[in-house]
């Protein structure tokens, strides 16, 4: 993996751009500055790796815009040692940001080629992320409960299986809707009910 001074400089600029757009969690900004986004992208896109834009990664999927990654991560309020389930490994970039922040990350990907590639990249970078191939909406009951969960693709509804696997007091960050999504945080209450909060519109 080549990670040049130029890459590092571009990352610093990207981190400041994300801060300027309203991200205030310094741990999130630091992770954006540290994780080499270009490694997760096709080599033909390397020049664009540190633009605040999504890019295709195959299988009709994209590596999310860095601001979106930072926004969702900030909503999670990641603490070191948090056990976090990610639905939609994709390129592996979001999982790396969480791992860099000290979370224990479990991630599920339904596209086999993306699963295999992300697993290799995460291993090469030394991020200890447990990656699984399968249907993310079923979660990982064997490893439940989770402190937090993040869904990195548009969701038509809030999956009940995931809610069951979330700890009481746990947070689920999910973009819900067709076409344009509403970013939501779902907090599981002691009686099992859900407290929802909306955080604006996104497009996945």
N, C-alpha and C. Protein backbone atom coordinates (compact mmCIF):
# COMPACT_ATOMS: atom_id res chain seq x y z
N UNK A 1 0.84 -1.21 0.00
CA UNK A 1 0.00 0.00 0.00
C UNK A 1 0.87 1.26 0.00
N UNK A 2 0.65 2.10 -0.98
CA UNK A 2 1.38 3.37 -1.02
C UNK A 2 0.52 4.44 -0.35
N UNK A 3 1.11 5.09 0.65
CA UNK A 3 0.41 6.19 1.31
C UNK A 3 1.41 7.35 1.39
N UNK A 4 1.38 8.18 0.37
CA UNK A 4 2.41 9.21 0.20
C UNK A 4 2.10 10.46 1.03
N UNK A 5 3.09 11.36 1.09
CA UNK A 5 2.87 12.66 1.74
C UNK A 5 1.72 13.40 1.05
N UNK A 6 1.63 13.21 -0.25
CA UNK A 6 0.55 13.88 -0.99
C UNK A 6 -0.82 13.36 -0.52
N UNK A 7 -0.93 12.03 -0.40
CA UNK A 7 -2.18 11.44 0.10
C UNK A 7 -2.52 12.01 1.48
N UNK A 8 -1.50 12.07 2.34
CA UNK A 8 -1.73 12.55 3.71
C UNK A 8 -2.16 14.02 3.71
N UNK A 9 -1.56 14.79 2.83
CA UNK A 9 -1.94 16.20 2.71
C UNK A 9 -3.37 16.36 2.24
N UNK A 10 -3.76 15.54 1.25
CA UNK A 10 -5.13 15.59 0.74
C UNK A 10 -6.13 15.15 1.81
N UNK A 11 -5.72 14.18 2.64
CA UNK A 11 -6.60 13.73 3.73
C UNK A 11 -6.80 14.82 4.76
N UNK A 12 -5.73 15.53 5.07
CA UNK A 12 -5.84 16.64 6.04
C UNK A 12 -6.82 17.68 5.52
N UNK A 13 -6.72 17.97 4.23
CA UNK A 13 -7.63 18.94 3.62
C UNK A 13 -9.08 18.44 3.67
N UNK A 14 -9.27 17.13 3.39
CA UNK A 14 -10.60 16.54 3.45
C UNK A 14 -11.17 16.61 4.87
N UNK A 15 -10.34 16.31 5.86
CA UNK A 15 -10.79 16.37 7.26
C UNK A 15 -11.26 17.78 7.62
N UNK A 16 -10.54 18.77 7.14
CA UNK A 16 -10.93 20.17 7.42
C UNK A 16 -12.21 20.55 6.67
N UNK A 17 -12.37 19.98 5.48
CA UNK A 17 -13.60 20.23 4.69
C UNK A 17 -14.82 19.66 5.42
N UNK A 18 -14.67 18.46 5.96
CA UNK A 18 -15.74 17.80 6.71
C UNK A 18 -16.07 18.61 7.98
N UNK A 19 -15.02 19.12 8.62
CA UNK A 19 -15.23 19.97 9.81
C UNK A 19 -16.01 21.23 9.42
N UNK A 20 -15.64 21.83 8.29
CA UNK A 20 -16.29 23.07 7.83
C UNK A 20 -17.77 22.84 7.52
N UNK A 21 -18.13 21.59 7.19
CA UNK A 21 -19.52 21.27 6.87
C UNK A 21 -20.34 20.94 8.11
N UNK A 22 -19.70 21.01 9.29
CA UNK A 22 -20.48 20.90 10.53
C UNK A 22 -20.15 19.73 11.44
N UNK A 23 -19.19 18.88 11.07
CA UNK A 23 -18.80 17.78 11.96
C UNK A 23 -17.96 18.35 13.10
N UNK A 24 -18.34 18.02 14.34
CA UNK A 24 -17.64 18.60 15.50
C UNK A 24 -16.89 17.57 16.34
N UNK A 25 -17.20 16.28 16.15
CA UNK A 25 -16.53 15.24 16.94
C UNK A 25 -15.08 15.09 16.46
N UNK A 26 -14.14 15.52 17.29
CA UNK A 26 -12.73 15.51 16.89
C UNK A 26 -12.21 14.10 16.59
N UNK A 27 -12.77 13.10 17.27
CA UNK A 27 -12.33 11.71 17.02
C UNK A 27 -12.73 11.27 15.61
N UNK A 28 -13.89 11.73 15.15
CA UNK A 28 -14.34 11.42 13.79
C UNK A 28 -13.43 12.12 12.77
N UNK A 29 -13.15 13.39 13.01
CA UNK A 29 -12.30 14.17 12.10
C UNK A 29 -10.90 13.56 12.03
N UNK A 30 -10.39 13.13 13.17
CA UNK A 30 -9.07 12.49 13.22
C UNK A 30 -9.06 11.19 12.42
N UNK A 31 -10.13 10.39 12.52
CA UNK A 31 -10.21 9.13 11.78
C UNK A 31 -10.25 9.39 10.27
N UNK A 32 -10.99 10.42 9.84
CA UNK A 32 -11.02 10.80 8.42
C UNK A 32 -9.61 11.18 7.96
N UNK A 33 -8.88 11.85 8.84
CA UNK A 33 -7.51 12.29 8.52
C UNK A 33 -6.54 11.09 8.43
N UNK A 34 -6.83 10.04 9.19
CA UNK A 34 -5.88 8.92 9.30
C UNK A 34 -6.12 7.78 8.30
N UNK A 35 -7.38 7.49 7.99
CA UNK A 35 -7.69 6.30 7.17
C UNK A 35 -7.47 6.60 5.69
N UNK A 36 -6.63 5.79 5.01
CA UNK A 36 -6.29 6.04 3.60
C UNK A 36 -7.42 5.64 2.64
N UNK A 37 -8.31 6.57 2.35
CA UNK A 37 -9.49 6.27 1.53
C UNK A 37 -9.13 5.76 0.14
N UNK A 38 -8.00 6.21 -0.41
CA UNK A 38 -7.64 5.82 -1.77
C UNK A 38 -7.43 4.30 -1.91
N UNK A 39 -7.06 3.65 -0.81
CA UNK A 39 -6.81 2.21 -0.84
C UNK A 39 -8.10 1.42 -1.12
N UNK A 40 -9.25 1.99 -0.76
CA UNK A 40 -10.53 1.29 -0.91
C UNK A 40 -11.15 1.49 -2.29
N UNK A 41 -10.49 2.27 -3.15
CA UNK A 41 -11.07 2.63 -4.44
C UNK A 41 -10.28 2.03 -5.60
N UNK A 42 -10.97 1.85 -6.70
CA UNK A 42 -10.32 1.41 -7.93
C UNK A 42 -9.20 2.39 -8.27
N UNK A 43 -8.10 1.87 -8.75
CA UNK A 43 -6.93 2.74 -9.00
C UNK A 43 -7.23 3.88 -9.96
N UNK A 44 -8.22 3.70 -10.84
CA UNK A 44 -8.57 4.77 -11.79
C UNK A 44 -9.23 5.96 -11.10
N UNK A 45 -9.67 5.76 -9.83
CA UNK A 45 -10.31 6.84 -9.08
C UNK A 45 -9.39 7.47 -8.03
N UNK A 46 -8.16 6.98 -7.95
CA UNK A 46 -7.28 7.42 -6.87
C UNK A 46 -7.12 8.94 -6.82
N UNK A 47 -7.07 9.57 -7.99
CA UNK A 47 -6.94 11.03 -8.03
C UNK A 47 -8.12 11.73 -7.34
N UNK A 48 -9.27 11.05 -7.31
CA UNK A 48 -10.49 11.65 -6.76
C UNK A 48 -10.79 11.17 -5.34
N UNK A 49 -9.89 10.36 -4.78
CA UNK A 49 -10.18 9.69 -3.50
C UNK A 49 -10.46 10.67 -2.37
N UNK A 50 -9.87 11.85 -2.43
CA UNK A 50 -10.02 12.78 -1.31
C UNK A 50 -10.92 13.96 -1.64
N UNK A 51 -11.75 13.77 -2.68
CA UNK A 51 -12.85 14.71 -2.93
C UNK A 51 -14.02 14.25 -2.05
N UNK A 52 -14.83 15.18 -1.61
CA UNK A 52 -15.96 14.83 -0.76
C UNK A 52 -17.14 14.38 -1.61
N UNK A 53 -16.95 13.23 -2.26
CA UNK A 53 -17.96 12.69 -3.18
C UNK A 53 -18.00 11.17 -3.05
N UNK A 54 -19.17 10.57 -3.37
CA UNK A 54 -19.21 9.10 -3.46
C UNK A 54 -18.62 8.66 -4.80
N UNK A 55 -18.16 7.41 -4.88
CA UNK A 55 -17.65 6.86 -6.14
C UNK A 55 -18.05 5.40 -6.26
N UNK A 56 -18.26 4.92 -7.51
CA UNK A 56 -18.65 3.52 -7.70
C UNK A 56 -17.55 2.54 -7.30
N UNK A 57 -17.98 1.38 -6.72
CA UNK A 57 -17.01 0.34 -6.34
C UNK A 57 -17.41 -1.01 -6.93
N UNK A 58 -18.37 -1.01 -7.89
CA UNK A 58 -18.85 -2.26 -8.48
C UNK A 58 -20.12 -2.75 -7.80
N UNK A 59 -20.79 -3.73 -8.46
CA UNK A 59 -22.04 -4.31 -7.95
C UNK A 59 -23.11 -3.25 -7.67
N UNK A 60 -23.09 -2.16 -8.47
CA UNK A 60 -24.05 -1.06 -8.30
C UNK A 60 -23.97 -0.42 -6.92
N UNK A 61 -22.81 -0.49 -6.29
CA UNK A 61 -22.61 0.10 -4.96
C UNK A 61 -21.59 1.23 -5.06
N UNK A 62 -21.56 2.07 -4.02
CA UNK A 62 -20.60 3.18 -4.01
C UNK A 62 -19.86 3.20 -2.68
N UNK A 63 -18.68 3.82 -2.69
CA UNK A 63 -18.02 4.20 -1.44
C UNK A 63 -18.65 5.54 -1.08
N UNK A 64 -19.19 5.63 0.14
CA UNK A 64 -19.98 6.81 0.51
C UNK A 64 -19.14 8.09 0.52
N UNK A 65 -19.83 9.19 0.35
CA UNK A 65 -19.20 10.51 0.49
C UNK A 65 -18.61 10.62 1.90
N UNK A 66 -17.38 11.10 2.04
CA UNK A 66 -16.76 11.21 3.37
C UNK A 66 -17.61 11.97 4.38
N UNK A 67 -18.29 13.04 3.94
CA UNK A 67 -19.14 13.79 4.87
C UNK A 67 -20.25 12.89 5.42
N UNK A 68 -20.85 12.06 4.55
CA UNK A 68 -21.91 11.15 4.99
C UNK A 68 -21.37 10.15 6.00
N UNK A 69 -20.18 9.60 5.72
CA UNK A 69 -19.52 8.67 6.65
C UNK A 69 -19.30 9.36 7.99
N UNK A 70 -18.78 10.58 7.95
CA UNK A 70 -18.51 11.34 9.18
C UNK A 70 -19.81 11.64 9.93
N UNK A 71 -20.86 12.01 9.19
CA UNK A 71 -22.14 12.38 9.79
C UNK A 71 -22.74 11.17 10.53
N UNK A 72 -22.79 10.02 9.83
CA UNK A 72 -23.35 8.81 10.46
C UNK A 72 -22.52 8.39 11.66
N UNK A 73 -21.20 8.50 11.53
CA UNK A 73 -20.30 8.10 12.62
C UNK A 73 -20.50 9.00 13.83
N UNK A 74 -20.64 10.30 13.58
CA UNK A 74 -20.86 11.24 14.68
C UNK A 74 -22.16 10.93 15.42
N UNK A 75 -23.20 10.56 14.66
CA UNK A 75 -24.49 10.21 15.29
C UNK A 75 -24.37 8.99 16.20
N UNK A 76 -23.45 8.07 15.87
CA UNK A 76 -23.26 6.86 16.68
C UNK A 76 -22.65 7.16 18.05
N UNK A 77 -21.94 8.30 18.16
CA UNK A 77 -21.23 8.66 19.41
C UNK A 77 -20.35 7.49 19.87
N UNK A 78 -19.40 7.16 19.01
CA UNK A 78 -18.54 5.99 19.21
C UNK A 78 -17.63 6.18 20.43
N UNK A 79 -17.64 5.15 21.28
CA UNK A 79 -16.71 5.11 22.41
C UNK A 79 -15.78 3.92 22.20
N UNK A 80 -14.55 4.05 22.69
CA UNK A 80 -13.58 2.97 22.56
C UNK A 80 -14.16 1.71 23.19
N UNK A 81 -14.08 0.59 22.46
CA UNK A 81 -14.59 -0.68 22.98
C UNK A 81 -16.04 -0.96 22.63
N UNK A 82 -16.74 0.02 22.04
CA UNK A 82 -18.12 -0.22 21.59
C UNK A 82 -18.16 -1.39 20.61
N UNK A 83 -19.17 -2.24 20.79
CA UNK A 83 -19.38 -3.37 19.87
C UNK A 83 -20.41 -2.90 18.84
N UNK A 84 -19.94 -2.70 17.61
CA UNK A 84 -20.79 -2.07 16.58
C UNK A 84 -21.02 -3.03 15.41
N UNK A 85 -22.27 -3.14 15.00
CA UNK A 85 -22.63 -3.93 13.82
C UNK A 85 -22.88 -2.97 12.65
N UNK A 86 -22.19 -3.23 11.54
CA UNK A 86 -22.39 -2.43 10.33
C UNK A 86 -23.09 -3.30 9.29
N UNK A 87 -24.15 -2.75 8.71
CA UNK A 87 -24.88 -3.45 7.65
C UNK A 87 -24.48 -2.81 6.32
N UNK A 88 -23.78 -3.57 5.48
CA UNK A 88 -23.30 -3.07 4.19
C UNK A 88 -21.83 -2.68 4.27
N UNK A 89 -20.94 -3.69 4.22
CA UNK A 89 -19.50 -3.42 4.31
C UNK A 89 -19.03 -2.56 3.15
N UNK A 90 -19.58 -2.86 1.95
CA UNK A 90 -19.17 -2.10 0.75
C UNK A 90 -17.68 -2.18 0.54
N UNK A 91 -17.04 -1.02 0.48
CA UNK A 91 -15.59 -0.96 0.26
C UNK A 91 -14.80 -1.31 1.52
N UNK A 92 -15.43 -1.15 2.69
CA UNK A 92 -14.74 -1.35 3.96
C UNK A 92 -14.30 -0.05 4.61
N UNK A 93 -14.55 1.08 3.93
CA UNK A 93 -14.07 2.38 4.44
C UNK A 93 -14.75 2.77 5.75
N UNK A 94 -16.08 2.66 5.80
CA UNK A 94 -16.80 3.02 7.04
C UNK A 94 -16.34 2.14 8.21
N UNK A 95 -16.19 0.85 7.95
CA UNK A 95 -15.74 -0.07 9.01
C UNK A 95 -14.36 0.33 9.53
N UNK A 96 -13.50 0.79 8.62
CA UNK A 96 -12.15 1.22 9.00
C UNK A 96 -12.19 2.45 9.90
N UNK A 97 -13.07 3.38 9.58
CA UNK A 97 -13.22 4.59 10.40
C UNK A 97 -13.62 4.20 11.82
N UNK A 98 -14.58 3.28 11.93
CA UNK A 98 -15.04 2.83 13.25
C UNK A 98 -13.93 2.10 14.01
N UNK A 99 -13.20 1.23 13.29
CA UNK A 99 -12.10 0.48 13.91
C UNK A 99 -11.00 1.43 14.37
N UNK A 100 -10.73 2.45 13.56
CA UNK A 100 -9.70 3.43 13.90
C UNK A 100 -10.06 4.16 15.20
N UNK A 101 -11.36 4.30 15.45
CA UNK A 101 -11.84 4.99 16.65
C UNK A 101 -11.90 4.06 17.87
N UNK A 102 -11.47 2.81 17.68
CA UNK A 102 -11.38 1.90 18.82
C UNK A 102 -12.59 1.01 19.03
N UNK A 103 -13.52 0.98 18.06
CA UNK A 103 -14.69 0.12 18.19
C UNK A 103 -14.36 -1.32 17.80
N UNK A 104 -15.14 -2.26 18.35
CA UNK A 104 -15.06 -3.66 17.90
C UNK A 104 -16.12 -3.80 16.81
N UNK A 105 -15.68 -3.94 15.57
CA UNK A 105 -16.59 -3.84 14.43
C UNK A 105 -16.92 -5.20 13.84
N UNK A 106 -18.22 -5.43 13.65
CA UNK A 106 -18.73 -6.59 12.93
C UNK A 106 -19.46 -6.04 11.72
N UNK A 107 -19.20 -6.60 10.54
CA UNK A 107 -19.79 -6.01 9.33
C UNK A 107 -20.30 -7.10 8.40
N UNK A 108 -21.45 -6.85 7.78
CA UNK A 108 -22.07 -7.84 6.88
C UNK A 108 -22.21 -7.24 5.48
N UNK A 109 -21.85 -8.03 4.47
CA UNK A 109 -21.96 -7.60 3.07
C UNK A 109 -22.67 -8.68 2.26
N UNK A 110 -23.66 -8.28 1.43
CA UNK A 110 -24.42 -9.28 0.67
C UNK A 110 -23.86 -9.57 -0.72
N UNK A 111 -22.94 -8.73 -1.20
CA UNK A 111 -22.30 -8.99 -2.50
C UNK A 111 -20.97 -9.70 -2.26
N UNK A 112 -20.85 -10.93 -2.79
CA UNK A 112 -19.68 -11.75 -2.48
C UNK A 112 -18.37 -11.07 -2.89
N UNK A 113 -18.35 -10.46 -4.10
CA UNK A 113 -17.08 -9.86 -4.57
C UNK A 113 -16.66 -8.68 -3.68
N UNK A 114 -17.64 -7.88 -3.22
CA UNK A 114 -17.31 -6.76 -2.32
C UNK A 114 -16.85 -7.29 -0.96
N UNK A 115 -17.53 -8.34 -0.49
CA UNK A 115 -17.16 -8.96 0.79
C UNK A 115 -15.70 -9.42 0.76
N UNK A 116 -15.34 -10.13 -0.32
CA UNK A 116 -13.97 -10.67 -0.41
C UNK A 116 -12.93 -9.56 -0.50
N UNK A 117 -13.24 -8.55 -1.32
CA UNK A 117 -12.28 -7.46 -1.51
C UNK A 117 -12.10 -6.64 -0.22
N UNK A 118 -13.22 -6.32 0.42
CA UNK A 118 -13.15 -5.53 1.66
C UNK A 118 -12.38 -6.29 2.73
N UNK A 119 -12.62 -7.60 2.82
CA UNK A 119 -11.94 -8.43 3.82
C UNK A 119 -10.42 -8.36 3.61
N UNK A 120 -10.01 -8.48 2.35
CA UNK A 120 -8.57 -8.43 2.03
C UNK A 120 -7.96 -7.07 2.41
N UNK A 121 -8.64 -5.99 2.01
CA UNK A 121 -8.12 -4.64 2.27
C UNK A 121 -8.02 -4.39 3.78
N UNK A 122 -9.08 -4.75 4.51
CA UNK A 122 -9.09 -4.53 5.96
C UNK A 122 -7.96 -5.31 6.64
N UNK A 123 -7.74 -6.55 6.17
CA UNK A 123 -6.64 -7.36 6.72
C UNK A 123 -5.29 -6.72 6.41
N UNK A 124 -5.13 -6.26 5.15
CA UNK A 124 -3.87 -5.64 4.72
C UNK A 124 -3.55 -4.40 5.57
N UNK A 125 -4.60 -3.63 5.89
CA UNK A 125 -4.41 -2.39 6.66
C UNK A 125 -4.27 -2.65 8.16
N UNK A 126 -4.56 -3.90 8.57
CA UNK A 126 -4.43 -4.25 9.99
C UNK A 126 -5.61 -3.83 10.84
N UNK A 127 -6.75 -3.51 10.21
CA UNK A 127 -7.95 -3.18 10.99
C UNK A 127 -8.64 -4.49 11.36
N UNK A 128 -8.88 -4.67 12.64
CA UNK A 128 -9.45 -5.94 13.10
C UNK A 128 -10.98 -5.87 13.04
N UNK A 129 -11.49 -6.03 11.83
CA UNK A 129 -12.94 -6.00 11.59
C UNK A 129 -13.38 -7.42 11.24
N UNK A 130 -14.44 -7.90 11.89
CA UNK A 130 -14.98 -9.22 11.55
C UNK A 130 -16.01 -9.03 10.43
N UNK A 131 -15.68 -9.53 9.24
CA UNK A 131 -16.55 -9.33 8.07
C UNK A 131 -17.27 -10.64 7.73
N UNK A 132 -18.58 -10.52 7.47
CA UNK A 132 -19.41 -11.69 7.18
C UNK A 132 -20.12 -11.50 5.84
N UNK A 133 -20.34 -12.62 5.15
CA UNK A 133 -21.08 -12.60 3.88
C UNK A 133 -22.50 -13.06 4.17
N UNK A 134 -23.50 -12.24 3.84
CA UNK A 134 -24.87 -12.65 4.08
C UNK A 134 -25.85 -11.48 4.06
N UNK A 135 -27.05 -11.75 4.54
CA UNK A 135 -28.14 -10.77 4.55
C UNK A 135 -28.04 -9.93 5.83
N UNK A 136 -27.67 -8.68 5.66
CA UNK A 136 -27.46 -7.79 6.79
C UNK A 136 -28.70 -7.58 7.64
N UNK A 137 -29.88 -7.64 7.01
CA UNK A 137 -31.11 -7.37 7.76
C UNK A 137 -31.41 -8.44 8.79
N UNK A 138 -30.75 -9.60 8.66
CA UNK A 138 -30.92 -10.66 9.67
C UNK A 138 -29.96 -10.45 10.84
N UNK A 139 -28.97 -9.55 10.65
CA UNK A 139 -28.01 -9.27 11.71
C UNK A 139 -27.07 -10.43 11.96
N UNK A 140 -26.54 -10.47 13.17
CA UNK A 140 -25.64 -11.56 13.60
C UNK A 140 -26.06 -12.01 14.99
N UNK A 141 -27.16 -12.79 15.08
CA UNK A 141 -27.68 -13.17 16.39
C UNK A 141 -26.64 -13.86 17.29
N UNK A 142 -25.71 -14.60 16.68
CA UNK A 142 -24.69 -15.31 17.45
C UNK A 142 -23.82 -14.36 18.26
N UNK A 143 -23.60 -13.15 17.72
CA UNK A 143 -22.70 -12.19 18.36
C UNK A 143 -23.45 -11.08 19.13
N UNK A 144 -24.78 -11.12 19.06
CA UNK A 144 -25.58 -10.10 19.74
C UNK A 144 -25.49 -10.27 21.25
N UNK A 145 -25.81 -9.22 22.04
CA UNK A 145 -26.31 -7.91 21.59
C UNK A 145 -25.17 -6.95 21.24
N UNK A 146 -25.53 -5.92 20.46
CA UNK A 146 -24.58 -4.89 20.03
C UNK A 146 -24.89 -3.57 20.73
N UNK A 147 -23.83 -2.82 21.02
CA UNK A 147 -24.01 -1.49 21.63
C UNK A 147 -24.63 -0.52 20.63
N UNK A 148 -24.18 -0.64 19.37
CA UNK A 148 -24.60 0.29 18.33
C UNK A 148 -24.66 -0.41 16.99
N UNK A 149 -25.43 0.15 16.07
CA UNK A 149 -25.54 -0.40 14.71
C UNK A 149 -25.59 0.75 13.71
N UNK A 150 -25.06 0.48 12.53
CA UNK A 150 -25.08 1.49 11.46
C UNK A 150 -25.44 0.80 10.15
N UNK A 151 -26.39 1.38 9.44
CA UNK A 151 -26.77 0.86 8.12
C UNK A 151 -26.29 1.87 7.08
N UNK A 152 -25.50 1.38 6.13
CA UNK A 152 -24.82 2.29 5.20
C UNK A 152 -25.44 2.28 3.81
N UNK A 153 -26.70 1.82 3.72
CA UNK A 153 -27.43 1.85 2.44
C UNK A 153 -28.87 2.20 2.75
N UNK A 154 -29.59 2.66 1.72
CA UNK A 154 -31.00 3.04 1.92
C UNK A 154 -31.80 1.85 2.43
N UNK A 155 -32.59 2.08 3.46
CA UNK A 155 -33.42 1.01 4.04
C UNK A 155 -34.89 1.38 3.87
N UNK A 156 -35.71 0.47 3.31
CA UNK A 156 -37.13 0.80 3.15
C UNK A 156 -37.88 0.82 4.49
N UNK A 157 -37.32 0.12 5.50
CA UNK A 157 -37.97 0.04 6.82
C UNK A 157 -36.90 -0.26 7.87
N UNK A 158 -37.30 -0.22 9.14
CA UNK A 158 -36.37 -0.54 10.24
C UNK A 158 -36.48 -2.04 10.53
N UNK A 159 -35.43 -2.81 10.24
CA UNK A 159 -35.52 -4.28 10.39
C UNK A 159 -35.67 -4.72 11.85
N UNK A 160 -36.71 -5.51 12.10
CA UNK A 160 -37.01 -5.96 13.48
C UNK A 160 -35.90 -6.84 14.05
N UNK A 161 -35.30 -7.68 13.20
CA UNK A 161 -34.23 -8.56 13.68
C UNK A 161 -33.07 -7.74 14.25
N UNK A 162 -32.79 -6.61 13.62
CA UNK A 162 -31.69 -5.76 14.11
C UNK A 162 -32.05 -5.12 15.44
N UNK A 163 -33.29 -4.64 15.54
CA UNK A 163 -33.74 -4.02 16.80
C UNK A 163 -33.62 -5.02 17.95
N UNK A 164 -33.97 -6.30 17.68
CA UNK A 164 -33.88 -7.34 18.71
C UNK A 164 -32.44 -7.53 19.18
N UNK A 165 -31.48 -7.33 18.26
CA UNK A 165 -30.07 -7.59 18.58
C UNK A 165 -29.35 -6.36 19.15
N UNK A 166 -30.11 -5.27 19.34
CA UNK A 166 -29.54 -4.03 19.89
C UNK A 166 -29.72 -4.02 21.40
N UNK A 167 -28.68 -3.64 22.12
CA UNK A 167 -28.76 -3.54 23.58
C UNK A 167 -29.78 -2.48 24.00
N UNK A 168 -30.33 -2.62 25.18
CA UNK A 168 -31.16 -1.55 25.75
C UNK A 168 -30.28 -0.31 25.90
N UNK A 169 -30.78 0.82 25.42
CA UNK A 169 -29.99 2.06 25.41
C UNK A 169 -29.10 2.18 24.19
N UNK A 170 -29.09 1.14 23.35
CA UNK A 170 -28.26 1.13 22.14
C UNK A 170 -28.80 2.04 21.06
N UNK A 171 -27.90 2.42 20.14
CA UNK A 171 -28.26 3.37 19.06
C UNK A 171 -28.13 2.68 17.71
N UNK A 172 -29.15 2.87 16.86
CA UNK A 172 -29.12 2.42 15.47
C UNK A 172 -29.18 3.66 14.59
N UNK A 173 -28.22 3.80 13.69
CA UNK A 173 -28.22 4.91 12.72
C UNK A 173 -28.61 4.32 11.37
N UNK A 174 -29.69 4.86 10.78
CA UNK A 174 -30.24 4.25 9.57
C UNK A 174 -30.87 5.29 8.65
N UNK A 175 -30.53 5.25 7.34
CA UNK A 175 -31.21 6.12 6.37
C UNK A 175 -32.46 5.41 5.83
N UNK A 176 -33.63 5.94 6.13
CA UNK A 176 -34.88 5.26 5.78
C UNK A 176 -35.61 5.99 4.66
N UNK A 177 -36.07 5.19 3.66
CA UNK A 177 -36.90 5.77 2.61
C UNK A 177 -36.47 5.35 1.22
N UNK A 178 -37.36 5.55 0.26
CA UNK A 178 -37.07 5.28 -1.15
C UNK A 178 -36.68 6.61 -1.80
N UNK A 179 -35.80 6.56 -2.78
CA UNK A 179 -35.41 7.79 -3.48
C UNK A 179 -34.49 8.64 -2.62
N UNK A 180 -35.11 9.48 -1.78
CA UNK A 180 -34.35 10.27 -0.80
C UNK A 180 -34.62 9.68 0.58
N UNK A 181 -33.59 9.61 1.40
CA UNK A 181 -33.74 8.99 2.72
C UNK A 181 -33.68 10.03 3.84
N UNK A 182 -34.38 9.70 4.93
CA UNK A 182 -34.27 10.49 6.15
C UNK A 182 -33.28 9.75 7.06
N UNK A 183 -32.22 10.44 7.48
CA UNK A 183 -31.28 9.83 8.41
C UNK A 183 -31.90 9.83 9.79
N UNK A 184 -31.96 8.65 10.40
CA UNK A 184 -32.61 8.52 11.71
C UNK A 184 -31.65 7.91 12.72
N UNK A 185 -31.80 8.33 13.97
CA UNK A 185 -31.23 7.57 15.07
C UNK A 185 -32.39 6.92 15.81
N UNK A 186 -32.22 5.64 16.11
CA UNK A 186 -33.22 4.87 16.86
C UNK A 186 -32.55 4.45 18.16
N UNK A 187 -33.14 4.82 19.28
CA UNK A 187 -32.60 4.41 20.59
C UNK A 187 -33.59 3.44 21.23
N UNK A 188 -33.07 2.28 21.64
CA UNK A 188 -33.92 1.25 22.23
C UNK A 188 -34.12 1.55 23.72
N UNK A 189 -35.37 1.73 24.09
CA UNK A 189 -35.71 2.07 25.48
C UNK A 189 -35.79 0.80 26.35
N UNK A 190 -35.83 1.00 27.66
CA UNK A 190 -35.85 -0.14 28.59
C UNK A 190 -37.07 -1.03 28.41
N UNK A 191 -38.20 -0.43 28.00
CA UNK A 191 -39.42 -1.23 27.80
C UNK A 191 -39.48 -1.85 26.40
N UNK A 192 -38.38 -1.68 25.63
CA UNK A 192 -38.33 -2.26 24.28
C UNK A 192 -38.85 -1.34 23.19
N UNK A 193 -39.47 -0.22 23.60
CA UNK A 193 -39.96 0.73 22.59
C UNK A 193 -38.78 1.48 21.98
N UNK A 194 -39.06 2.17 20.87
CA UNK A 194 -38.00 2.86 20.14
C UNK A 194 -38.21 4.36 20.14
N UNK A 195 -37.14 5.09 20.44
CA UNK A 195 -37.19 6.55 20.39
C UNK A 195 -36.49 6.97 19.11
N UNK A 196 -37.25 7.59 18.19
CA UNK A 196 -36.70 7.97 16.88
C UNK A 196 -36.41 9.46 16.81
N UNK A 197 -35.33 9.81 16.12
CA UNK A 197 -35.03 11.21 15.87
C UNK A 197 -34.54 11.35 14.44
N UNK A 198 -35.02 12.37 13.73
CA UNK A 198 -34.63 12.60 12.34
C UNK A 198 -33.48 13.60 12.27
N UNK A 199 -32.58 13.36 11.29
CA UNK A 199 -31.39 14.20 11.15
C UNK A 199 -31.17 14.66 9.70
N UNK A 200 -32.25 14.98 9.02
CA UNK A 200 -32.12 15.53 7.69
C UNK A 200 -32.13 14.49 6.57
N UNK A 201 -32.06 14.99 5.34
CA UNK A 201 -32.21 14.15 4.15
C UNK A 201 -30.85 13.82 3.52
N UNK A 202 -30.75 12.57 3.06
CA UNK A 202 -29.56 12.07 2.37
C UNK A 202 -29.99 11.25 1.18
N UNK A 203 -29.06 11.00 0.28
CA UNK A 203 -29.38 10.16 -0.89
C UNK A 203 -28.34 9.06 -0.99
N UNK A 204 -28.80 7.81 -0.82
CA UNK A 204 -27.91 6.65 -0.90
C UNK A 204 -28.15 5.87 -2.19
